[in-house]
């Protein structure tokens, strides 16, 4: 299985929280047959969290170690760029021929990049956020982990 961690899931793994234990039990992400992905956007977000929270050497080493488990996906692919634009238009209910079955949704630019990346790679997105709900089954395969 191809799994892409949202930033919040990575943060839960760094904290070794109950959510990380649930993800391990439900998806066994570190099993050798699974492929773990992370958007470059999430790497930027987690590094920003580390700086803003003044993480010490030990936590930074844990982050660097955790990142080694992932293939970090850049966003320079034309396919990802085009999918970003499509998902943004769809979320704003401004996509001809594909109406959003609810009111428009404002997604953060970072979440749009993550959604576009997971969509193009046909991976399962692991997240605790509600921000991707309207895309499930339309653009991506969502695994929403309850906190």
Foldseek 3Di string as FASTA:
>chain_A
DEEEEALVQLVCVLVVHPLVVVCCVPPVCLPPVYAYAYEVLSVVVVVVVCVVVVPDPVSVVSSVVSCVRYDYDYQPDPQLVVQLVVVQCQQCQNDPPRGQPDHHADDDSSVSSVLSVCQVVQHEYEEQDPRCVSCPPPRHPYDHGHD
